[in-house]
N, C-alpha and C. Protein backbone atom coordinates (compact mmCIF):
# COMPACT_ATOMS: atom_id res chain seq x y z
N UNK A 1 -1.54 102.98 136.46
CA UNK A 1 -0.68 102.16 137.29
C UNK A 1 0.69 102.02 136.64
N UNK A 2 1.71 102.31 137.38
CA UNK A 2 3.07 102.23 136.87
C UNK A 2 3.66 100.86 137.22
N UNK A 3 4.11 100.12 136.21
CA UNK A 3 4.78 98.85 136.49
C UNK A 3 6.18 99.12 137.04
N UNK A 4 6.27 99.24 138.34
CA UNK A 4 7.51 99.70 138.98
C UNK A 4 8.70 98.79 138.68
N UNK A 5 8.46 97.51 138.51
CA UNK A 5 9.59 96.61 138.28
C UNK A 5 10.28 96.94 136.96
N UNK A 6 9.52 97.35 135.96
CA UNK A 6 10.10 97.72 134.67
C UNK A 6 11.02 98.93 134.85
N UNK A 7 10.54 99.93 135.56
CA UNK A 7 11.32 101.14 135.79
C UNK A 7 12.57 100.81 136.60
N UNK A 8 12.40 100.01 137.64
CA UNK A 8 13.54 99.67 138.50
C UNK A 8 14.61 98.90 137.73
N UNK A 9 14.19 97.99 136.86
CA UNK A 9 15.16 97.23 136.08
C UNK A 9 15.93 98.12 135.11
N UNK A 10 15.24 99.00 134.44
CA UNK A 10 15.89 99.88 133.48
C UNK A 10 16.82 100.87 134.18
N UNK A 11 16.32 101.49 135.24
CA UNK A 11 17.12 102.48 135.97
C UNK A 11 18.29 101.82 136.68
N UNK A 12 18.08 100.62 137.17
CA UNK A 12 19.13 99.90 137.88
C UNK A 12 20.35 99.60 137.03
N UNK A 13 20.18 99.57 135.72
CA UNK A 13 21.31 99.31 134.82
C UNK A 13 22.12 100.56 134.52
N UNK A 14 21.66 101.69 134.98
CA UNK A 14 22.35 102.95 134.71
C UNK A 14 23.38 103.23 135.81
N UNK A 15 24.48 103.84 135.43
CA UNK A 15 25.53 104.19 136.38
C UNK A 15 25.00 105.27 137.33
N UNK A 16 25.39 105.20 138.60
CA UNK A 16 24.89 106.17 139.57
C UNK A 16 25.35 107.59 139.26
N UNK A 17 26.40 107.72 138.48
CA UNK A 17 26.87 109.05 138.10
C UNK A 17 26.16 109.62 136.89
N UNK A 18 25.27 108.83 136.29
CA UNK A 18 24.55 109.30 135.11
C UNK A 18 23.57 110.40 135.50
N UNK A 19 23.36 111.31 134.57
CA UNK A 19 22.42 112.40 134.84
C UNK A 19 20.98 111.89 134.78
N UNK A 20 20.08 112.68 135.32
CA UNK A 20 18.66 112.31 135.27
C UNK A 20 18.19 112.23 133.83
N UNK A 21 18.67 113.11 132.99
CA UNK A 21 18.30 113.09 131.57
C UNK A 21 18.72 111.78 130.91
N UNK A 22 19.90 111.31 131.24
CA UNK A 22 20.39 110.05 130.69
C UNK A 22 19.52 108.89 131.15
N UNK A 23 19.12 108.93 132.40
CA UNK A 23 18.28 107.87 132.94
C UNK A 23 16.91 107.87 132.26
N UNK A 24 16.34 109.04 132.05
CA UNK A 24 15.04 109.14 131.36
C UNK A 24 15.18 108.64 129.93
N UNK A 25 16.26 109.00 129.27
CA UNK A 25 16.49 108.54 127.89
C UNK A 25 16.57 107.02 127.86
N UNK A 26 17.26 106.42 128.81
CA UNK A 26 17.37 104.96 128.87
C UNK A 26 16.01 104.34 129.14
N UNK A 27 15.21 105.00 129.96
CA UNK A 27 13.87 104.51 130.25
C UNK A 27 13.04 104.45 128.98
N UNK A 28 13.06 105.52 128.22
CA UNK A 28 12.28 105.58 126.97
C UNK A 28 12.78 104.52 125.99
N UNK A 29 14.09 104.41 125.85
CA UNK A 29 14.66 103.44 124.91
C UNK A 29 14.40 102.00 125.35
N UNK A 30 14.23 101.80 126.65
CA UNK A 30 14.01 100.46 127.18
C UNK A 30 12.60 99.93 126.99
N UNK A 31 11.68 100.78 126.59
CA UNK A 31 10.31 100.35 126.35
C UNK A 31 10.21 99.59 125.04
N UNK A 32 9.23 98.70 124.96
CA UNK A 32 8.95 98.07 123.66
C UNK A 32 8.53 99.17 122.70
N UNK A 33 9.12 99.21 121.55
CA UNK A 33 8.88 100.25 120.54
C UNK A 33 9.38 101.62 120.97
N UNK A 34 10.18 101.69 122.02
CA UNK A 34 10.87 102.91 122.44
C UNK A 34 10.04 104.17 122.46
N UNK A 35 10.48 105.16 121.71
CA UNK A 35 9.88 106.49 121.72
C UNK A 35 8.42 106.45 121.26
N UNK A 36 8.11 105.56 120.36
CA UNK A 36 6.73 105.44 119.86
C UNK A 36 5.78 105.09 121.02
N UNK A 37 6.17 104.12 121.84
CA UNK A 37 5.35 103.75 123.00
C UNK A 37 5.26 104.91 123.99
N UNK A 38 6.37 105.61 124.17
CA UNK A 38 6.42 106.74 125.09
C UNK A 38 5.41 107.80 124.67
N UNK A 39 5.36 108.10 123.39
CA UNK A 39 4.46 109.14 122.90
C UNK A 39 3.00 108.72 122.92
N UNK A 40 2.74 107.43 122.97
CA UNK A 40 1.36 106.96 123.06
C UNK A 40 0.80 107.10 124.48
N UNK A 41 1.69 107.25 125.45
CA UNK A 41 1.25 107.45 126.83
C UNK A 41 0.68 108.86 126.99
N UNK A 42 -0.17 109.00 127.99
CA UNK A 42 -0.65 110.35 128.30
C UNK A 42 0.48 111.14 128.93
N UNK A 43 0.37 112.46 128.86
CA UNK A 43 1.39 113.31 129.46
C UNK A 43 1.52 113.03 130.95
N UNK A 44 0.39 112.82 131.60
CA UNK A 44 0.39 112.53 133.03
C UNK A 44 1.16 111.23 133.33
N UNK A 45 0.95 110.21 132.51
CA UNK A 45 1.66 108.94 132.70
C UNK A 45 3.16 109.11 132.49
N UNK A 46 3.52 109.85 131.45
CA UNK A 46 4.95 110.07 131.20
C UNK A 46 5.61 110.78 132.37
N UNK A 47 4.94 111.78 132.91
CA UNK A 47 5.50 112.50 134.06
C UNK A 47 5.65 111.58 135.26
N UNK A 48 4.65 110.73 135.48
CA UNK A 48 4.71 109.79 136.61
C UNK A 48 5.88 108.82 136.43
N UNK A 49 6.07 108.33 135.22
CA UNK A 49 7.19 107.43 134.94
C UNK A 49 8.51 108.13 135.19
N UNK A 50 8.63 109.38 134.74
CA UNK A 50 9.88 110.13 134.93
C UNK A 50 10.14 110.37 136.41
N UNK A 51 9.11 110.77 137.15
CA UNK A 51 9.29 111.00 138.59
C UNK A 51 9.76 109.73 139.29
N UNK A 52 9.13 108.61 138.94
CA UNK A 52 9.51 107.35 139.58
C UNK A 52 10.95 106.97 139.21
N UNK A 53 11.33 107.17 137.96
CA UNK A 53 12.69 106.84 137.54
C UNK A 53 13.72 107.69 138.28
N UNK A 54 13.43 108.97 138.43
CA UNK A 54 14.36 109.86 139.13
C UNK A 54 14.45 109.48 140.61
N UNK A 55 13.32 109.16 141.23
CA UNK A 55 13.35 108.72 142.64
C UNK A 55 14.18 107.45 142.78
N UNK A 56 13.99 106.52 141.88
CA UNK A 56 14.75 105.27 141.92
C UNK A 56 16.24 105.53 141.72
N UNK A 57 16.58 106.40 140.80
CA UNK A 57 17.98 106.73 140.55
C UNK A 57 18.60 107.40 141.77
N UNK A 58 17.89 108.31 142.38
CA UNK A 58 18.40 108.97 143.59
C UNK A 58 18.57 107.96 144.73
N UNK A 59 17.67 107.01 144.82
CA UNK A 59 17.79 105.96 145.83
C UNK A 59 19.06 105.13 145.58
N UNK A 60 19.32 104.81 144.33
CA UNK A 60 20.54 104.07 143.98
C UNK A 60 21.79 104.87 144.31
N UNK A 61 21.73 106.17 144.07
CA UNK A 61 22.87 107.04 144.41
C UNK A 61 23.11 107.04 145.92
N UNK A 62 22.04 107.12 146.68
CA UNK A 62 22.15 107.13 148.15
C UNK A 62 22.79 105.83 148.64
N UNK A 63 22.33 104.71 148.11
CA UNK A 63 22.91 103.41 148.50
C UNK A 63 24.39 103.37 148.13
N UNK A 64 24.73 103.84 146.95
CA UNK A 64 26.12 103.87 146.52
C UNK A 64 26.99 104.68 147.49
N UNK A 65 26.50 105.86 147.86
CA UNK A 65 27.27 106.70 148.79
C UNK A 65 27.44 106.01 150.13
N UNK A 66 26.41 105.32 150.60
CA UNK A 66 26.51 104.63 151.88
C UNK A 66 27.52 103.48 151.82
N UNK A 67 27.48 102.74 150.72
CA UNK A 67 28.37 101.58 150.57
C UNK A 67 29.82 102.02 150.43
N UNK A 68 30.05 103.12 149.73
CA UNK A 68 31.44 103.55 149.50
C UNK A 68 31.98 104.42 150.65
N UNK A 69 31.19 104.59 151.67
CA UNK A 69 31.67 105.32 152.83
C UNK A 69 31.39 106.79 152.82
N UNK A 70 30.71 107.27 151.80
CA UNK A 70 30.33 108.67 151.78
C UNK A 70 29.09 108.91 152.61
N UNK A 71 28.70 110.14 152.71
CA UNK A 71 27.52 110.48 153.51
C UNK A 71 26.30 110.58 152.65
């Protein structure tokens, strides 16, 4: 189970122009014990967290484009 609120809070603090890699790095650093906690997760869990973070970041980008008048 992915605690979505944790991911949303961490990703929400990233600039919409940030790359996906930057967002993932911030996600890892935002965890308690950072990279150590990340490596204790299973590979499947890490991939799920990354997918969710990227989806959230893309959603934020879409909202930004809508608000600023872009398509």
